[in-house]
Amino acid sequence: MSDRSLAGQLGNLPDGIEALPEEHQQDLADAVREARRRQGAALAKAGNDALRYVPALLRPAVRKAVGL
């Protein structure tokens, strides 16, 4: 994500958020970016943990099929 602003991350902002001072919008943008980073890490971990239930010989094929 190259645009670090809140509008760059979320698109059109509600009027109430646009009314916030720039400093508060940047704090919110940082929080959203960090939440997305944590969410991505948690999803990757969950996907890898789920592969433990797949027989070892099939794991490479399953990883490729699901994009892990």
Foldseek 3Di string as FASTA:
>chain_A
DPDQFLCVVPPDDPPVLVPDPRVVRSVVSVVVVVVVVVVVVVVVVVVVVVCVVPPPVCSVVVCVVVVD
